[in-house]
Structure formats: C-alpha cells, structure tokens
Amino acid sequence: QELNEIDWKGGLSDDKERLAQHICAFSNLTGGGILVFGVNNDATFAPLSQELIERTVTRLDNIAQNRMYMPIQLDHDVLDFQGQSLLFIYIPL
C-alpha cells in the first residue's frame, strides 16, 4: 500500500522531470519521504542488480543536486526482504 510518505517502484523512470517532481514532493512533506525500488505495482518483486542500484542512486542524486531550487542530500540503503534486494531512497524535508 502506498502512503503519502512512501512510493513503491519497480524500476527507474527515464522521465527526469517526473523524478524531479517525486523528489520535490517528498522534500516538502513533514519528515520527508521514501522511494522504494524493487517492488512492482502488482506487489511482486522486481529484480535489482548491483549495476541497477548504482545507476538509480546516481541518477536520483544528480537530479536532487542539480534540478532542485535548493540541492537536496539523499540517503539510501539496500535491504534484503524475503531474499530480494530493495533499494530505499530517503528524501528529507
């Protein structure tokens, strides 16, 4: 279930503007928000390779640093859930 503070993603969108909107929206929430990569819309797992994780983190960090009015420092972690890697990107207030 998606909440205002969390958004589940199966993969990284090619749309930089849409990604910037997600980052901006979460940065305006009290407490920030979290993008979680590795979960499809139907609640199945989307496989994440180390290369995909690194590419996702780099791309989102570039957007947060260069496309926002004020640069945003993202934090991330990869956690294992039921044998699947999930990438958590924290976007602070």
PDB file of N, CA and C in Angstrom:
ATOM      1  N   GLN A   1       0.840  -1.167   0.000  1.00  0.00           N
ATOM      2  CA  GLN A   1       0.000   0.000   0.000  1.00  0.00           C
ATOM      3  C   GLN A   1       0.893   1.240   0.000  1.00  0.00           C
ATOM      4  N   GLU A   2       0.574   2.181  -0.865  1.00  0.00           N
ATOM      5  CA  GLU A   2       1.328   3.422  -0.903  1.00  0.00           C
ATOM      6  C   GLU A   2       0.705   4.425   0.055  1.00  0.00           C
ATOM      7  N   LEU A   3       1.564   5.147   0.712  1.00  0.00           N
ATOM      8  CA  LEU A   3       1.166   6.214   1.608  1.00  0.00           C
ATOM      9  C   LEU A   3       1.751   7.509   1.057  1.00  0.00           C
ATOM     10  N   ASN A   4       1.397   8.624   1.646  1.00  0.00           N
ATOM     11  CA  ASN A   4       1.989   9.889   1.207  1.00  0.00           C
ATOM     12  C   ASN A   4       3.502   9.886   1.361  1.00  0.00           C
ATOM     13  N   GLU A   5       4.017   9.151   2.343  1.00  0.00           N
ATOM     14  CA  GLU A   5       5.434   9.180   2.675  1.00  0.00           C
ATOM     15  C   GLU A   5       6.252   8.098   1.986  1.00  0.00           C
ATOM     16  N   ILE A   6       5.618   7.191   1.242  1.00  0.00           N
ATOM     17  CA  ILE A   6       6.350   6.085   0.617  1.00  0.00           C
ATOM     18  C   ILE A   6       5.769   5.798  -0.768  1.00  0.00           C
ATOM     19  N   ASP A   7       6.665   5.525  -1.702  1.00  0.00           N
ATOM     20  CA  ASP A   7       6.248   5.220  -3.065  1.00  0.00           C
ATOM     21  C   ASP A   7       7.055   4.019  -3.548  1.00  0.00           C
ATOM     22  N   TRP A   8       6.357   2.946  -3.916  1.00  0.00           N
ATOM     23  CA  TRP A   8       6.984   1.714  -4.378  1.00  0.00           C
ATOM     24  C   TRP A   8       7.243   1.801  -5.877  1.00  0.00           C
ATOM     25  N   LYS A   9       8.431   1.407  -6.303  1.00  0.00           N
ATOM     26  CA  LYS A   9       8.816   1.485  -7.707  1.00  0.00           C
ATOM     27  C   LYS A   9       9.399   0.155  -8.172  1.00  0.00           C
ATOM     28  N   GLY A  10       8.972  -0.265  -9.364  1.00  0.00           N
ATOM     29  CA  GLY A  10       9.552  -1.458  -9.970  1.00  0.00           C
ATOM     30  C   GLY A  10      10.883  -1.163 -10.628  1.00  0.00           C
ATOM     31  N   GLY A  11      11.051   0.048 -11.100  1.00  0.00           N
ATOM     32  CA  GLY A  11      12.289   0.433 -11.770  1.00  0.00           C
ATOM     33  C   GLY A  11      12.390   1.936 -11.889  1.00  0.00           C
ATOM     34  N   LEU A  12      13.465   2.373 -12.485  1.00  0.00           N
ATOM     35  CA  LEU A  12      13.761   3.794 -12.625  1.00  0.00           C
ATOM     36  C   LEU A  12      13.173   4.327 -13.919  1.00  0.00           C
ATOM     37  N   SER A  13      12.399   5.369 -13.825  1.00  0.00           N
ATOM     38  CA  SER A  13      11.795   6.025 -14.987  1.00  0.00           C
ATOM     39  C   SER A  13      12.872   6.774 -15.776  1.00  0.00           C
ATOM     40  N   ASP A  14      12.669   6.884 -17.079  1.00  0.00           N
ATOM     41  CA  ASP A  14      13.553   7.688 -17.923  1.00  0.00           C
ATOM     42  C   ASP A  14      13.171   9.164 -17.884  1.00  0.00           C
ATOM     43  N   ASP A  15      12.029   9.475 -17.304  1.00  0.00           N
ATOM     44  CA  ASP A  15      11.497  10.837 -17.280  1.00  0.00           C
ATOM     45  C   ASP A  15      12.107  11.633 -16.114  1.00  0.00           C
ATOM     46  N   LYS A  16      13.143  12.425 -16.411  1.00  0.00           N
ATOM     47  CA  LYS A  16      13.823  13.199 -15.364  1.00  0.00           C
ATOM     48  C   LYS A  16      12.884  14.191 -14.682  1.00  0.00           C
ATOM     49  N   GLU A  17      11.972  14.771 -15.450  1.00  0.00           N
ATOM     50  CA  GLU A  17      11.038  15.741 -14.882  1.00  0.00           C
ATOM     51  C   GLU A  17      10.128  15.068 -13.847  1.00  0.00           C
ATOM     52  N   ARG A  18       9.646  13.881 -14.166  1.00  0.00           N
ATOM     53  CA  ARG A  18       8.778  13.141 -13.231  1.00  0.00           C
ATOM     54  C   ARG A  18       9.548  12.762 -11.971  1.00  0.00           C
ATOM     55  N   LEU A  19      10.791  12.337 -12.129  1.00  0.00           N
ATOM     56  CA  LEU A  19      11.614  12.001 -10.971  1.00  0.00           C
ATOM     57  C   LEU A  19      11.855  13.243 -10.114  1.00  0.00           C
ATOM     58  N   ALA A  20      12.102  14.374 -10.751  1.00  0.00           N
ATOM     59  CA  ALA A  20      12.288  15.635 -10.018  1.00  0.00           C
ATOM     60  C   ALA A  20      11.024  15.993  -9.248  1.00  0.00           C
ATOM     61  N   GLN A  21       9.849  15.739  -9.833  1.00  0.00           N
ATOM     62  CA  GLN A  21       8.587  16.013  -9.146  1.00  0.00           C
ATOM     63  C   GLN A  21       8.441  15.148  -7.895  1.00  0.00           C
ATOM     64  N   HIS A  22       8.810  13.861  -7.996  1.00  0.00           N
ATOM     65  CA  HIS A  22       8.759  12.967  -6.832  1.00  0.00           C
ATOM     66  C   HIS A  22       9.666  13.488  -5.719  1.00  0.00           C
ATOM     67  N   ILE A  23      10.888  13.833  -6.083  1.00  0.00           N
ATOM     68  CA  ILE A  23      11.846  14.322  -5.088  1.00  0.00           C
ATOM     69  C   ILE A  23      11.338  15.606  -4.444  1.00  0.00           C
ATOM     70  N   CYS A  24      10.848  16.517  -5.256  1.00  0.00           N
ATOM     71  CA  CYS A  24      10.337  17.793  -4.746  1.00  0.00           C
ATOM     72  C   CYS A  24       9.144  17.565  -3.807  1.00  0.00           C
ATOM     73  N   ALA A  25       8.227  16.702  -4.205  1.00  0.00           N
ATOM     74  CA  ALA A  25       7.042  16.437  -3.384  1.00  0.00           C
ATOM     75  C   ALA A  25       7.435  15.856  -2.030  1.00  0.00           C
ATOM     76  N   PHE A  26       8.326  14.866  -2.017  1.00  0.00           N
ATOM     77  CA  PHE A  26       8.744  14.267  -0.755  1.00  0.00           C
ATOM     78  C   PHE A  26       9.528  15.249   0.104  1.00  0.00           C
ATOM     79  N   SER A  27      10.304  16.123  -0.530  1.00  0.00           N
ATOM     80  CA  SER A  27      11.090  17.079   0.251  1.00  0.00           C
ATOM     81  C   SER A  27      10.205  18.146   0.899  1.00  0.00           C
ATOM     82  N   ASN A  28       8.964  18.242   0.465  1.00  0.00           N
ATOM     83  CA  ASN A  28       8.029  19.205   1.053  1.00  0.00           C
ATOM     84  C   ASN A  28       7.099  18.582   2.089  1.00  0.00           C
ATOM     85  N   LEU A  29       7.241  17.283   2.324  1.00  0.00           N
ATOM     86  CA  LEU A  29       6.446  16.612   3.358  1.00  0.00           C
ATOM     87  C   LEU A  29       7.149  16.730   4.707  1.00  0.00           C
ATOM     88  N   THR A  30       6.402  16.934   5.756  1.00  0.00           N
ATOM     89  CA  THR A  30       6.984  16.899   7.089  1.00  0.00           C
ATOM     90  C   THR A  30       7.577  15.514   7.308  1.00  0.00           C
ATOM     91  N   GLY A  31       8.852  15.454   7.571  1.00  0.00           N
ATOM     92  CA  GLY A  31       9.521  14.166   7.763  1.00  0.00           C
ATOM     93  C   GLY A  31      10.081  13.575   6.489  1.00  0.00           C
ATOM     94  N   GLY A  32       9.812  14.190   5.346  1.00  0.00           N
ATOM     95  CA  GLY A  32      10.322  13.684   4.076  1.00  0.00           C
ATOM     96  C   GLY A  32       9.561  12.461   3.594  1.00  0.00           C
ATOM     97  N   GLY A  33      10.174  11.718   2.685  1.00  0.00           N
ATOM     98  CA  GLY A  33       9.532  10.537   2.130  1.00  0.00           C
ATOM     99  C   GLY A  33      10.553   9.535   1.636  1.00  0.00           C
ATOM    100  N   ILE A  34      10.059   8.375   1.222  1.00  0.00           N
ATOM    101  CA  ILE A  34      10.940   7.285   0.806  1.00  0.00           C
ATOM    102  C   ILE A  34      10.455   6.711  -0.523  1.00  0.00           C
ATOM    103  N   LEU A  35      11.388   6.586  -1.470  1.00  0.00           N
ATOM    104  CA  LEU A  35      11.148   5.828  -2.685  1.00  0.00           C
ATOM    105  C   LEU A  35      11.743   4.449  -2.461  1.00  0.00           C
ATOM    106  N   VAL A  36      10.973   3.411  -2.734  1.00  0.00           N
ATOM    107  CA  VAL A  36      11.466   2.048  -2.570  1.00  0.00           C
ATOM    108  C   VAL A  36      11.467   1.394  -3.946  1.00  0.00           C
ATOM    109  N   PHE A  37      12.648   1.018  -4.425  1.00  0.00           N
ATOM    110  CA  PHE A  37      12.785   0.368  -5.717  1.00  0.00           C
ATOM    111  C   PHE A  37      12.931  -1.131  -5.519  1.00  0.00           C
ATOM    112  N   GLY A  38      12.242  -1.883  -6.381  1.00  0.00           N
ATOM    113  CA  GLY A  38      12.302  -3.334  -6.331  1.00  0.00           C
ATOM    114  C   GLY A  38      10.950  -3.984  -6.127  1.00  0.00           C
ATOM    115  N   VAL A  39       9.870  -3.174  -6.160  1.00  0.00           N
ATOM    116  CA  VAL A  39       8.514  -3.699  -5.980  1.00  0.00           C
ATOM    117  C   VAL A  39       7.626  -3.161  -7.104  1.00  0.00           C
ATOM    118  N   ASN A  40       7.043  -4.063  -7.873  1.00  0.00           N
ATOM    119  CA  ASN A  40       6.146  -3.685  -8.969  1.00  0.00           C
ATOM    120  C   ASN A  40       4.781  -3.247  -8.448  1.00  0.00           C
ATOM    121  N   ASN A  41       3.979  -2.652  -9.337  1.00  0.00           N
ATOM    122  CA  ASN A  41       2.629  -2.196  -8.967  1.00  0.00           C
ATOM    123  C   ASN A  41       1.739  -3.327  -8.459  1.00  0.00           C
ATOM    124  N   ASP A  42       1.973  -4.552  -8.943  1.00  0.00           N
ATOM    125  CA  ASP A  42       1.154  -5.687  -8.500  1.00  0.00           C
ATOM    126  C   ASP A  42       1.724  -6.371  -7.254  1.00  0.00           C
ATOM    127  N   ALA A  43       2.665  -5.716  -6.572  1.00  0.00           N
ATOM    128  CA  ALA A  43       3.278  -6.174  -5.321  1.00  0.00           C
ATOM    129  C   ALA A  43       4.239  -7.341  -5.504  1.00  0.00           C
ATOM    130  N   THR A  44       4.626  -7.650  -6.744  1.00  0.00           N
ATOM    131  CA  THR A  44       5.668  -8.649  -6.969  1.00  0.00           C
ATOM    132  C   THR A  44       7.021  -7.948  -6.938  1.00  0.00           C
ATOM    133  N   PHE A  45       8.062  -8.734  -6.729  1.00  0.00           N
ATOM    134  CA  PHE A  45       9.396  -8.157  -6.678  1.00  0.00           C
ATOM    135  C   PHE A  45       9.946  -7.929  -8.081  1.00  0.00           C
ATOM    136  N   ALA A  46      10.671  -6.838  -8.241  1.00  0.00           N
ATOM    137  CA  ALA A  46      11.399  -6.532  -9.471  1.00  0.00           C
ATOM    138  C   ALA A  46      12.878  -6.716  -9.155  1.00  0.00           C
ATOM    139  N   PRO A  47      13.556  -7.605  -9.849  1.00  0.00           N
ATOM    140  CA  PRO A  47      14.965  -7.869  -9.526  1.00  0.00           C
ATOM    141  C   PRO A  47      15.826  -6.613  -9.669  1.00  0.00           C
ATOM    142  N   LEU A  48      16.722  -6.406  -8.706  1.00  0.00           N
ATOM    143  CA  LEU A  48      17.647  -5.278  -8.731  1.00  0.00           C
ATOM    144  C   LEU A  48      19.080  -5.800  -8.749  1.00  0.00           C
ATOM    145  N   SER A  49      19.800  -5.515  -9.812  1.00  0.00           N
ATOM    146  CA  SER A  49      21.220  -5.858  -9.866  1.00  0.00           C
ATOM    147  C   SER A  49      22.015  -4.750  -9.186  1.00  0.00           C
ATOM    148  N   GLN A  50      23.260  -5.033  -8.850  1.00  0.00           N
ATOM    149  CA  GLN A  50      24.117  -4.010  -8.247  1.00  0.00           C
ATOM    150  C   GLN A  50      24.288  -2.843  -9.206  1.00  0.00           C
ATOM    151  N   GLU A  51      24.407  -3.134 -10.497  1.00  0.00           N
ATOM    152  CA  GLU A  51      24.538  -2.071 -11.504  1.00  0.00           C
ATOM    153  C   GLU A  51      23.295  -1.174 -11.532  1.00  0.00           C
ATOM    154  N   LEU A  52      22.119  -1.786 -11.483  1.00  0.00           N
ATOM    155  CA  LEU A  52      20.874  -1.005 -11.491  1.00  0.00           C
ATOM    156  C   LEU A  52      20.745  -0.162 -10.221  1.00  0.00           C
ATOM    157  N   ILE A  53      21.141  -0.714  -9.103  1.00  0.00           N
ATOM    158  CA  ILE A  53      21.106   0.031  -7.840  1.00  0.00           C
ATOM    159  C   ILE A  53      22.014   1.255  -7.932  1.00  0.00           C
ATOM    160  N   GLU A  54      23.232   1.060  -8.404  1.00  0.00           N
ATOM    161  CA  GLU A  54      24.179   2.167  -8.515  1.00  0.00           C
ATOM    162  C   GLU A  54      23.695   3.219  -9.501  1.00  0.00           C
ATOM    163  N   ARG A  55      23.144   2.794 -10.624  1.00  0.00           N
ATOM    164  CA  ARG A  55      22.626   3.728 -11.626  1.00  0.00           C
ATOM    165  C   ARG A  55      21.454   4.533 -11.059  1.00  0.00           C
ATOM    166  N   THR A  56      20.570   3.878 -10.314  1.00  0.00           N
ATOM    167  CA  THR A  56      19.408   4.543  -9.720  1.00  0.00           C
ATOM    168  C   THR A  56      19.847   5.587  -8.705  1.00  0.00           C
ATOM    169  N   VAL A  57      20.747   5.212  -7.820  1.00  0.00           N
ATOM    170  CA  VAL A  57      21.239   6.139  -6.795  1.00  0.00           C
ATOM    171  C   VAL A  57      21.924   7.335  -7.448  1.00  0.00           C
ATOM    172  N   THR A  58      22.772   7.084  -8.426  1.00  0.00           N
ATOM    173  CA  THR A  58      23.495   8.166  -9.104  1.00  0.00           C
ATOM    174  C   THR A  58      22.538   9.113  -9.816  1.00  0.00           C
ATOM    175  N   ARG A  59      21.577   8.558 -10.528  1.00  0.00           N
ATOM    176  CA  ARG A  59      20.638   9.399 -11.280  1.00  0.00           C
ATOM    177  C   ARG A  59      19.783  10.259 -10.347  1.00  0.00           C
ATOM    178  N   LEU A  60      19.237   9.653  -9.301  1.00  0.00           N
ATOM    179  CA  LEU A  60      18.409  10.414  -8.364  1.00  0.00           C
ATOM    180  C   LEU A  60      19.228  11.464  -7.625  1.00  0.00           C
ATOM    181  N   ASP A  61      20.454  11.117  -7.263  1.00  0.00           N
ATOM    182  CA  ASP A  61      21.309  12.086  -6.582  1.00  0.00           C
ATOM    183  C   ASP A  61      21.625  13.263  -7.506  1.00  0.00           C
ATOM    184  N   ASN A  62      21.896  12.990  -8.776  1.00  0.00           N
ATOM    185  CA  ASN A  62      22.152  14.067  -9.735  1.00  0.00           C
ATOM    186  C   ASN A  62      20.945  14.991  -9.868  1.00  0.00           C
ATOM    187  N   ILE A  63      19.765  14.420  -9.934  1.00  0.00           N
ATOM    188  CA  ILE A  63      18.540  15.226 -10.027  1.00  0.00           C
ATOM    189  C   ILE A  63      18.362  16.055  -8.760  1.00  0.00           C
ATOM    190  N   ALA A  64      18.559  15.433  -7.600  1.00  0.00           N
ATOM    191  CA  ALA A  64      18.374  16.130  -6.315  1.00  0.00           C
ATOM    192  C   ALA A  64      19.392  17.260  -6.134  1.00  0.00           C
ATOM    193  N   GLN A  65      20.572  17.104  -6.687  1.00  0.00           N
ATOM    194  CA  GLN A  65      21.612  18.119  -6.547  1.00  0.00           C
ATOM    195  C   GLN A  65      21.517  19.224  -7.597  1.00  0.00           C
ATOM    196  N   ASN A  66      21.029  18.877  -8.793  1.00  0.00           N
ATOM    197  CA  ASN A  66      21.125  19.812  -9.915  1.00  0.00           C
ATOM    198  C   ASN A  66      19.812  20.343 -10.470  1.00  0.00           C
ATOM    199  N   ARG A  67      18.682  19.722 -10.135  1.00  0.00           N
ATOM    200  CA  ARG A  67      17.411  20.152 -10.721  1.00  0.00           C
ATOM    201  C   ARG A  67      16.452  20.757  -9.700  1.00  0.00           C
ATOM    202  N   MET A  68      16.876  20.842  -8.468  1.00  0.00           N
ATOM    203  CA  MET A  68      16.048  21.419  -7.413  1.00  0.00           C
ATOM    204  C   MET A  68      16.469  22.867  -7.185  1.00  0.00           C
ATOM    205  N   TYR A  69      15.540  23.675  -6.688  1.00  0.00           N
ATOM    206  CA  TYR A  69      15.855  25.059  -6.356  1.00  0.00           C
ATOM    207  C   TYR A  69      16.995  25.108  -5.340  1.00  0.00           C
ATOM    208  N   MET A  70      16.872  24.272  -4.315  1.00  0.00           N
ATOM    209  CA  MET A  70      17.926  24.096  -3.317  1.00  0.00           C
ATOM    210  C   MET A  70      18.360  22.631  -3.400  1.00  0.00           C
ATOM    211  N   PRO A  71      19.661  22.348  -3.485  1.00  0.00           N
ATOM    212  CA  PRO A  71      20.107  20.951  -3.551  1.00  0.00           C
ATOM    213  C   PRO A  71      19.610  20.146  -2.351  1.00  0.00           C
ATOM    214  N   ILE A  72      19.271  18.903  -2.607  1.00  0.00           N
ATOM    215  CA  ILE A  72      18.763  18.007  -1.564  1.00  0.00           C
ATOM    216  C   ILE A  72      19.733  16.844  -1.416  1.00  0.00           C
ATOM    217  N   GLN A  73      20.128  16.553  -0.192  1.00  0.00           N
ATOM    218  CA  GLN A  73      21.027  15.441   0.090  1.00  0.00           C
ATOM    219  C   GLN A  73      20.205  14.185   0.351  1.00  0.00           C
ATOM    220  N   LEU A  74      20.259  13.222  -0.569  1.00  0.00           N
ATOM    221  CA  LEU A  74      19.520  11.969  -0.425  1.00  0.00           C
ATOM    222  C   LEU A  74      20.328  10.974   0.391  1.00  0.00           C
ATOM    223  N   ASP A  75      19.633  10.063   1.017  1.00  0.00           N
ATOM    224  CA  ASP A  75      20.265   8.963   1.733  1.00  0.00           C
ATOM    225  C   ASP A  75      19.670   7.677   1.179  1.00  0.00           C
ATOM    226  N   HIS A  76      20.443   6.619   1.144  1.00  0.00           N
ATOM    227  CA  HIS A  76      19.920   5.358   0.606  1.00  0.00           C
ATOM    228  C   HIS A  76      20.494   4.160   1.357  1.00  0.00           C
ATOM    229  N   ASP A  77      19.782   3.058   1.220  1.00  0.00           N
ATOM    230  CA  ASP A  77      20.238   1.791   1.785  1.00  0.00           C
ATOM    231  C   ASP A  77      19.592   0.663   0.991  1.00  0.00           C
ATOM    232  N   VAL A  78      20.288  -0.439   0.890  1.00  0.00           N
ATOM    233  CA  VAL A  78      19.752  -1.639   0.254  1.00  0.00           C
ATOM    234  C   VAL A  78      19.506  -2.654   1.357  1.00  0.00           C
ATOM    235  N   LEU A  79      18.267  -3.113   1.441  1.00  0.00           N
ATOM    236  CA  LEU A  79      17.892  -4.093   2.454  1.00  0.00           C
ATOM    237  C   LEU A  79      17.365  -5.345   1.792  1.00  0.00           C
ATOM    238  N   ASP A  80      17.576  -6.465   2.437  1.00  0.00           N
ATOM    239  CA  ASP A  80      17.079  -7.742   1.947  1.00  0.00           C
ATOM    240  C   ASP A  80      15.724  -8.028   2.590  1.00  0.00           C
ATOM    241  N   PHE A  81      14.737  -8.371   1.751  1.00  0.00           N
ATOM    242  CA  PHE A  81      13.418  -8.758   2.243  1.00  0.00           C
ATOM    243  C   PHE A  81      12.998 -10.017   1.503  1.00  0.00           C
ATOM    244  N   GLN A  82      12.838 -11.095   2.234  1.00  0.00           N
ATOM    245  CA  GLN A  82      12.442 -12.386   1.666  1.00  0.00           C
ATOM    246  C   GLN A  82      13.341 -12.777   0.502  1.00  0.00           C
ATOM    247  N   GLY A  83      14.642 -12.551   0.664  1.00  0.00           N
ATOM    248  CA  GLY A  83      15.616 -12.946  -0.355  1.00  0.00           C
ATOM    249  C   GLY A  83      15.730 -11.995  -1.533  1.00  0.00           C
ATOM    250  N   GLN A  84      15.029 -10.867  -1.484  1.00  0.00           N
ATOM    251  CA  GLN A  84      15.072  -9.881  -2.566  1.00  0.00           C
ATOM    252  C   GLN A  84      15.689  -8.580  -2.056  1.00  0.00           C
ATOM    253  N   SER A  85      16.495  -7.973  -2.902  1.00  0.00           N
ATOM    254  CA  SER A  85      17.075  -6.675  -2.555  1.00  0.00           C
ATOM    255  C   SER A  85      16.080  -5.573  -2.847  1.00  0.00           C
ATOM    256  N   LEU A  86      15.913  -4.669  -1.896  1.00  0.00           N
ATOM    257  CA  LEU A  86      15.085  -3.483  -2.074  1.00  0.00           C
ATOM    258  C   LEU A  86      15.957  -2.263  -1.818  1.00  0.00           C
ATOM    259  N   LEU A  87      15.845  -1.275  -2.698  1.00  0.00           N
ATOM    260  CA  LEU A  87      16.609  -0.040  -2.556  1.00  0.00           C
ATOM    261  C   LEU A  87      15.696   1.035  -1.969  1.00  0.00           C
ATOM    262  N   PHE A  88      16.076   1.551  -0.808  1.00  0.00           N
ATOM    263  CA  PHE A  88      15.332   2.599  -0.128  1.00  0.00           C
ATOM    264  C   PHE A  88      16.078   3.911  -0.320  1.00  0.00           C
ATOM    265  N   ILE A  89      15.413   4.913  -0.886  1.00  0.00           N
ATOM    266  CA  ILE A  89      15.979   6.238  -1.061  1.00  0.00           C
ATOM    267  C   ILE A  89      15.182   7.189  -0.158  1.00  0.00           C
ATOM    268  N   TYR A  90      15.852   7.754   0.842  1.00  0.00           N
ATOM    269  CA  TYR A  90      15.204   8.682   1.755  1.00  0.00           C
ATOM    270  C   TYR A  90      15.396  10.110   1.239  1.00  0.00           C
ATOM    271  N   ILE A  91      14.303  10.835   1.099  1.00  0.00           N
ATOM    272  CA  ILE A  91      14.314  12.225   0.666  1.00  0.00           C
ATOM    273  C   ILE A  91      13.877  13.059   1.864  1.00  0.00           C
ATOM    274  N   PRO A  92      14.822  13.803   2.459  1.00  0.00           N
ATOM    275  CA  PRO A  92      14.483  14.548   3.685  1.00  0.00           C
ATOM    276  C   PRO A  92      13.687  15.799   3.411  1.00  0.00           C
ATOM    277  N   LEU A  93      13.103  16.313   4.467  1.00  0.00           N
ATOM    278  CA  LEU A  93      12.366  17.583   4.441  1.00  0.00           C
ATOM    279  C   LEU A  93      13.305  18.697   4.099  1.00  0.00           C
TER     280      LEU A  93
END
